[in-house]
Amino acid sequence: MTYLAIYDGHGGRDMVDFLEHAMPFHVAQELGSDNDIDNDTDNDDSVSMEVRLERAFLMTDLHARQVGITASGATVAICLIKPVPESRSIQLIVANAGDARVVL
């Protein structure tokens, strides 16, 4: 899976410098194994991609506060590109925080 992101810092570079490493780390932690990602059913044992990305954004925000970043912030737009070999296509998964958007 390919991770692409845009971070638009506000109030200095502290948050953007932090996000360059922390955001992909927390996204990777939340995605873990793709085996239990399920967007199409209501199975309680599976966690949707939407929920996983929401948790990754939340964990990144909490982590920033833990390291003392409180005077600056950022808007974030991410795009995950996931190959789908059986259909010879790709799946685009996008998420954002703040007023950043992904436009295709």
N, C-alpha and C. Protein backbone atom coordinates (compact mmCIF):
# COMPACT_ATOMS: atom_id res chain seq x y z
N MET A 1 0.86 -1.16 0.00
CA MET A 1 0.00 0.00 0.00
C MET A 1 0.91 1.23 0.00
N THR A 2 0.55 2.21 -0.79
CA THR A 2 1.30 3.46 -0.87
C THR A 2 0.60 4.53 -0.05
N TYR A 3 1.38 5.29 0.70
CA TYR A 3 0.86 6.35 1.56
C TYR A 3 1.32 7.69 0.99
N LEU A 4 0.38 8.58 0.70
CA LEU A 4 0.67 9.94 0.25
C LEU A 4 -0.05 10.90 1.18
N ALA A 5 0.59 12.03 1.49
CA ALA A 5 -0.05 12.97 2.41
C ALA A 5 0.38 14.40 2.13
N ILE A 6 -0.51 15.31 2.46
CA ILE A 6 -0.24 16.74 2.45
C ILE A 6 -0.55 17.25 3.85
N TYR A 7 0.41 17.96 4.44
CA TYR A 7 0.24 18.56 5.76
C TYR A 7 0.37 20.06 5.59
N ASP A 8 -0.65 20.80 5.98
CA ASP A 8 -0.66 22.26 5.88
C ASP A 8 -0.57 22.81 7.30
N GLY A 9 0.64 23.24 7.67
CA GLY A 9 0.88 23.69 9.03
C GLY A 9 0.33 25.07 9.31
N HIS A 10 -0.06 25.28 10.55
CA HIS A 10 -0.56 26.56 11.03
C HIS A 10 0.16 26.89 12.33
N GLY A 11 0.77 28.06 12.40
CA GLY A 11 1.42 28.48 13.64
C GLY A 11 2.82 27.93 13.80
N GLY A 12 3.49 27.62 12.71
CA GLY A 12 4.85 27.12 12.79
C GLY A 12 4.97 25.72 12.22
N ARG A 13 6.21 25.23 12.14
CA ARG A 13 6.50 23.94 11.53
C ARG A 13 6.45 22.77 12.51
N ASP A 14 6.32 23.02 13.79
CA ASP A 14 6.41 21.93 14.77
C ASP A 14 5.48 20.76 14.43
N MET A 15 4.23 21.06 14.16
CA MET A 15 3.27 19.99 13.90
C MET A 15 3.58 19.28 12.58
N VAL A 16 3.91 20.02 11.55
CA VAL A 16 4.21 19.39 10.26
C VAL A 16 5.43 18.48 10.38
N ASP A 17 6.48 18.96 11.05
CA ASP A 17 7.66 18.12 11.26
C ASP A 17 7.31 16.85 12.01
N PHE A 18 6.44 16.96 12.99
CA PHE A 18 5.97 15.81 13.75
C PHE A 18 5.15 14.86 12.88
N LEU A 19 4.23 15.42 12.09
CA LEU A 19 3.34 14.60 11.27
C LEU A 19 4.08 13.78 10.22
N GLU A 20 5.18 14.30 9.71
CA GLU A 20 5.93 13.58 8.67
C GLU A 20 6.30 12.17 9.11
N HIS A 21 6.50 11.98 10.39
CA HIS A 21 6.86 10.65 10.90
C HIS A 21 5.71 9.99 11.65
N ALA A 22 4.98 10.77 12.42
CA ALA A 22 3.95 10.19 13.30
C ALA A 22 2.71 9.73 12.54
N MET A 23 2.26 10.51 11.57
CA MET A 23 1.01 10.14 10.88
C MET A 23 1.15 8.82 10.13
N PRO A 24 2.18 8.62 9.31
CA PRO A 24 2.28 7.32 8.65
C PRO A 24 2.48 6.17 9.65
N PHE A 25 3.17 6.44 10.75
CA PHE A 25 3.35 5.41 11.79
C PHE A 25 2.00 4.98 12.35
N HIS A 26 1.16 5.94 12.74
CA HIS A 26 -0.13 5.59 13.34
C HIS A 26 -1.09 4.98 12.33
N VAL A 27 -1.03 5.42 11.08
CA VAL A 27 -1.86 4.79 10.04
C VAL A 27 -1.43 3.33 9.88
N ALA A 28 -0.12 3.09 9.80
CA ALA A 28 0.38 1.71 9.65
C ALA A 28 -0.01 0.86 10.86
N GLN A 29 0.07 1.43 12.06
CA GLN A 29 -0.31 0.70 13.28
C GLN A 29 -1.78 0.30 13.23
N GLU A 30 -2.62 1.22 12.80
CA GLU A 30 -4.06 0.94 12.75
C GLU A 30 -4.42 -0.03 11.65
N LEU A 31 -3.74 0.05 10.53
CA LEU A 31 -4.07 -0.86 9.43
C LEU A 31 -3.58 -2.27 9.72
N GLY A 32 -2.42 -2.37 10.36
CA GLY A 32 -1.91 -3.69 10.72
C GLY A 32 -2.05 -4.66 9.58
N SER A 33 -2.83 -5.67 9.78
CA SER A 33 -3.11 -6.66 8.75
C SER A 33 -4.44 -6.31 8.09
N ASP A 34 -4.48 -6.39 6.77
CA ASP A 34 -5.70 -6.10 6.02
C ASP A 34 -6.74 -7.21 6.16
N ASN A 35 -6.39 -8.31 6.81
CA ASN A 35 -7.28 -9.46 6.84
C ASN A 35 -8.61 -9.18 7.53
N ASP A 36 -8.64 -8.26 8.50
CA ASP A 36 -9.91 -8.05 9.19
C ASP A 36 -10.55 -6.70 8.86
N ILE A 37 -10.09 -6.06 7.78
CA ILE A 37 -10.76 -4.84 7.32
C ILE A 37 -11.97 -5.26 6.50
N ASP A 38 -13.11 -4.75 6.86
CA ASP A 38 -14.33 -5.17 6.19
C ASP A 38 -15.25 -3.97 6.05
N ASN A 39 -15.37 -3.44 4.86
CA ASN A 39 -16.23 -2.28 4.62
C ASN A 39 -17.63 -2.66 4.18
N ASP A 40 -17.86 -3.95 3.88
CA ASP A 40 -19.12 -4.31 3.25
C ASP A 40 -20.10 -5.05 4.14
N THR A 41 -19.71 -5.42 5.35
CA THR A 41 -20.63 -6.16 6.21
C THR A 41 -20.70 -5.52 7.58
N ASP A 42 -21.64 -5.97 8.36
CA ASP A 42 -21.81 -5.46 9.73
C ASP A 42 -21.22 -6.42 10.75
N ASN A 43 -20.24 -7.19 10.37
CA ASN A 43 -19.60 -8.15 11.27
C ASN A 43 -18.90 -7.39 12.40
N ASP A 44 -19.28 -7.67 13.66
CA ASP A 44 -18.71 -6.98 14.81
C ASP A 44 -17.23 -7.29 15.01
N ASP A 45 -16.74 -8.42 14.44
CA ASP A 45 -15.34 -8.79 14.60
C ASP A 45 -14.42 -8.01 13.66
N SER A 46 -14.97 -7.32 12.69
CA SER A 46 -14.14 -6.59 11.74
C SER A 46 -14.23 -5.09 12.05
N VAL A 47 -13.17 -4.40 11.68
CA VAL A 47 -13.12 -2.96 11.89
C VAL A 47 -12.96 -2.31 10.53
N SER A 48 -13.83 -1.38 10.21
CA SER A 48 -13.81 -0.75 8.88
C SER A 48 -12.58 0.13 8.70
N MET A 49 -12.24 0.37 7.46
CA MET A 49 -11.14 1.27 7.13
C MET A 49 -11.42 2.66 7.70
N GLU A 50 -12.67 3.10 7.64
CA GLU A 50 -13.04 4.42 8.17
C GLU A 50 -12.70 4.52 9.66
N VAL A 51 -13.08 3.52 10.42
CA VAL A 51 -12.81 3.52 11.86
C VAL A 51 -11.30 3.47 12.12
N ARG A 52 -10.59 2.65 11.38
CA ARG A 52 -9.14 2.56 11.56
C ARG A 52 -8.46 3.90 11.29
N LEU A 53 -8.87 4.59 10.24
CA LEU A 53 -8.25 5.88 9.93
C LEU A 53 -8.65 6.94 10.95
N GLU A 54 -9.89 6.91 11.42
CA GLU A 54 -10.28 7.83 12.49
C GLU A 54 -9.41 7.62 13.73
N ARG A 55 -9.17 6.37 14.08
CA ARG A 55 -8.31 6.08 15.23
C ARG A 55 -6.88 6.54 14.99
N ALA A 56 -6.38 6.36 13.78
CA ALA A 56 -5.01 6.80 13.46
C ALA A 56 -4.88 8.31 13.62
N PHE A 57 -5.87 9.06 13.14
CA PHE A 57 -5.85 10.52 13.29
C PHE A 57 -5.92 10.90 14.77
N LEU A 58 -6.78 10.24 15.52
CA LEU A 58 -6.91 10.53 16.95
C LEU A 58 -5.62 10.21 17.70
N MET A 59 -5.04 9.06 17.43
CA MET A 59 -3.80 8.66 18.10
C MET A 59 -2.66 9.63 17.76
N THR A 60 -2.62 10.11 16.52
CA THR A 60 -1.60 11.08 16.13
C THR A 60 -1.79 12.39 16.90
N ASP A 61 -3.02 12.83 17.04
CA ASP A 61 -3.30 14.05 17.79
C ASP A 61 -2.90 13.89 19.26
N LEU A 62 -3.27 12.78 19.85
CA LEU A 62 -2.90 12.53 21.25
C LEU A 62 -1.38 12.45 21.43
N HIS A 63 -0.72 11.80 20.49
CA HIS A 63 0.74 11.67 20.53
C HIS A 63 1.39 13.06 20.45
N ALA A 64 0.88 13.94 19.59
CA ALA A 64 1.43 15.30 19.47
C ALA A 64 1.31 16.04 20.80
N ARG A 65 0.19 15.89 21.45
CA ARG A 65 0.01 16.55 22.76
C ARG A 65 0.97 15.98 23.80
N GLN A 66 1.19 14.67 23.74
CA GLN A 66 2.10 14.03 24.70
C GLN A 66 3.53 14.54 24.56
N VAL A 67 3.93 14.88 23.33
CA VAL A 67 5.30 15.39 23.13
C VAL A 67 5.36 16.91 23.23
N GLY A 68 4.25 17.53 23.61
CA GLY A 68 4.24 18.96 23.91
C GLY A 68 3.95 19.89 22.76
N ILE A 69 3.41 19.38 21.67
CA ILE A 69 3.06 20.26 20.55
C ILE A 69 1.65 20.78 20.79
N THR A 70 1.57 22.02 21.25
CA THR A 70 0.26 22.63 21.54
C THR A 70 0.12 24.01 20.91
N ALA A 71 1.23 24.59 20.41
CA ALA A 71 1.17 25.95 19.89
C ALA A 71 1.00 26.00 18.37
N SER A 72 1.10 24.86 17.69
CA SER A 72 0.90 24.84 16.25
C SER A 72 -0.02 23.68 15.90
N GLY A 73 -0.53 23.71 14.69
CA GLY A 73 -1.44 22.67 14.24
C GLY A 73 -1.29 22.47 12.75
N ALA A 74 -2.16 21.66 12.18
CA ALA A 74 -2.10 21.41 10.75
C ALA A 74 -3.41 20.82 10.27
N THR A 75 -3.69 21.05 9.00
CA THR A 75 -4.74 20.28 8.34
C THR A 75 -4.03 19.17 7.58
N VAL A 76 -4.73 18.06 7.37
CA VAL A 76 -4.10 16.87 6.79
C VAL A 76 -5.02 16.27 5.74
N ALA A 77 -4.43 15.86 4.63
CA ALA A 77 -5.15 15.07 3.63
C ALA A 77 -4.24 13.89 3.29
N ILE A 78 -4.78 12.67 3.40
CA ILE A 78 -3.99 11.50 3.04
C ILE A 78 -4.70 10.68 1.97
N CYS A 79 -3.89 9.96 1.21
CA CYS A 79 -4.41 9.07 0.18
C CYS A 79 -3.63 7.76 0.29
N LEU A 80 -4.34 6.67 0.42
CA LEU A 80 -3.73 5.34 0.41
C LEU A 80 -4.06 4.70 -0.93
N ILE A 81 -3.06 4.16 -1.58
CA ILE A 81 -3.25 3.50 -2.87
C ILE A 81 -2.98 2.02 -2.66
N LYS A 82 -4.01 1.23 -2.83
CA LYS A 82 -3.93 -0.20 -2.56
C LYS A 82 -4.15 -0.99 -3.85
N PRO A 83 -3.15 -1.76 -4.28
CA PRO A 83 -3.34 -2.59 -5.47
C PRO A 83 -4.40 -3.67 -5.23
N VAL A 84 -5.18 -3.95 -6.25
CA VAL A 84 -6.16 -5.03 -6.20
C VAL A 84 -5.80 -5.98 -7.34
N PRO A 85 -4.88 -6.92 -7.09
CA PRO A 85 -4.33 -7.77 -8.15
C PRO A 85 -5.38 -8.58 -8.91
N GLU A 86 -6.39 -9.10 -8.20
CA GLU A 86 -7.37 -9.95 -8.87
C GLU A 86 -8.16 -9.22 -9.95
N SER A 87 -8.30 -7.91 -9.82
CA SER A 87 -9.02 -7.14 -10.85
C SER A 87 -8.08 -6.23 -11.63
N ARG A 88 -6.78 -6.35 -11.35
CA ARG A 88 -5.76 -5.53 -12.01
C ARG A 88 -6.12 -4.05 -11.95
N SER A 89 -6.50 -3.62 -10.74
CA SER A 89 -6.89 -2.23 -10.52
C SER A 89 -6.30 -1.75 -9.20
N ILE A 90 -6.65 -0.54 -8.82
CA ILE A 90 -6.23 -0.02 -7.53
C ILE A 90 -7.45 0.50 -6.79
N GLN A 91 -7.31 0.55 -5.48
CA GLN A 91 -8.33 1.14 -4.62
C GLN A 91 -7.72 2.39 -4.00
N LEU A 92 -8.40 3.52 -4.12
CA LEU A 92 -7.96 4.76 -3.49
C LEU A 92 -8.77 4.98 -2.23
N ILE A 93 -8.07 5.22 -1.13
CA ILE A 93 -8.72 5.48 0.15
C ILE A 93 -8.22 6.85 0.60
N VAL A 94 -9.13 7.77 0.83
CA VAL A 94 -8.73 9.13 1.22
C VAL A 94 -9.34 9.49 2.56
N ALA A 95 -8.62 10.35 3.28
CA ALA A 95 -9.11 10.84 4.57
C ALA A 95 -8.54 12.23 4.79
N ASN A 96 -9.20 13.02 5.61
CA ASN A 96 -8.71 14.37 5.87
C ASN A 96 -9.10 14.82 7.27
N ALA A 97 -8.37 15.83 7.74
CA ALA A 97 -8.70 16.52 8.98
C ALA A 97 -8.56 18.01 8.70
N GLY A 98 -9.51 18.78 9.14
CA GLY A 98 -9.47 20.21 8.86
C GLY A 98 -10.00 20.50 7.47
N ASP A 99 -9.53 21.60 6.88
CA ASP A 99 -10.08 22.01 5.59
C ASP A 99 -9.27 21.50 4.40
N ALA A 100 -8.35 20.59 4.61
CA ALA A 100 -7.61 19.97 3.50
C ALA A 100 -8.52 18.94 2.84
N ARG A 101 -8.44 18.83 1.51
CA ARG A 101 -9.27 17.89 0.76
C ARG A 101 -8.43 17.21 -0.31
N VAL A 102 -8.88 16.01 -0.72
CA VAL A 102 -8.29 15.30 -1.82
C VAL A 102 -9.28 15.40 -2.97
N VAL A 103 -8.81 15.92 -4.11
CA VAL A 103 -9.67 16.07 -5.28
C VAL A 103 -9.04 15.30 -6.43
N LEU A 104 -9.81 14.43 -7.04
CA LEU A 104 -9.31 13.64 -8.18
C LEU A 104 -9.75 14.26 -9.48
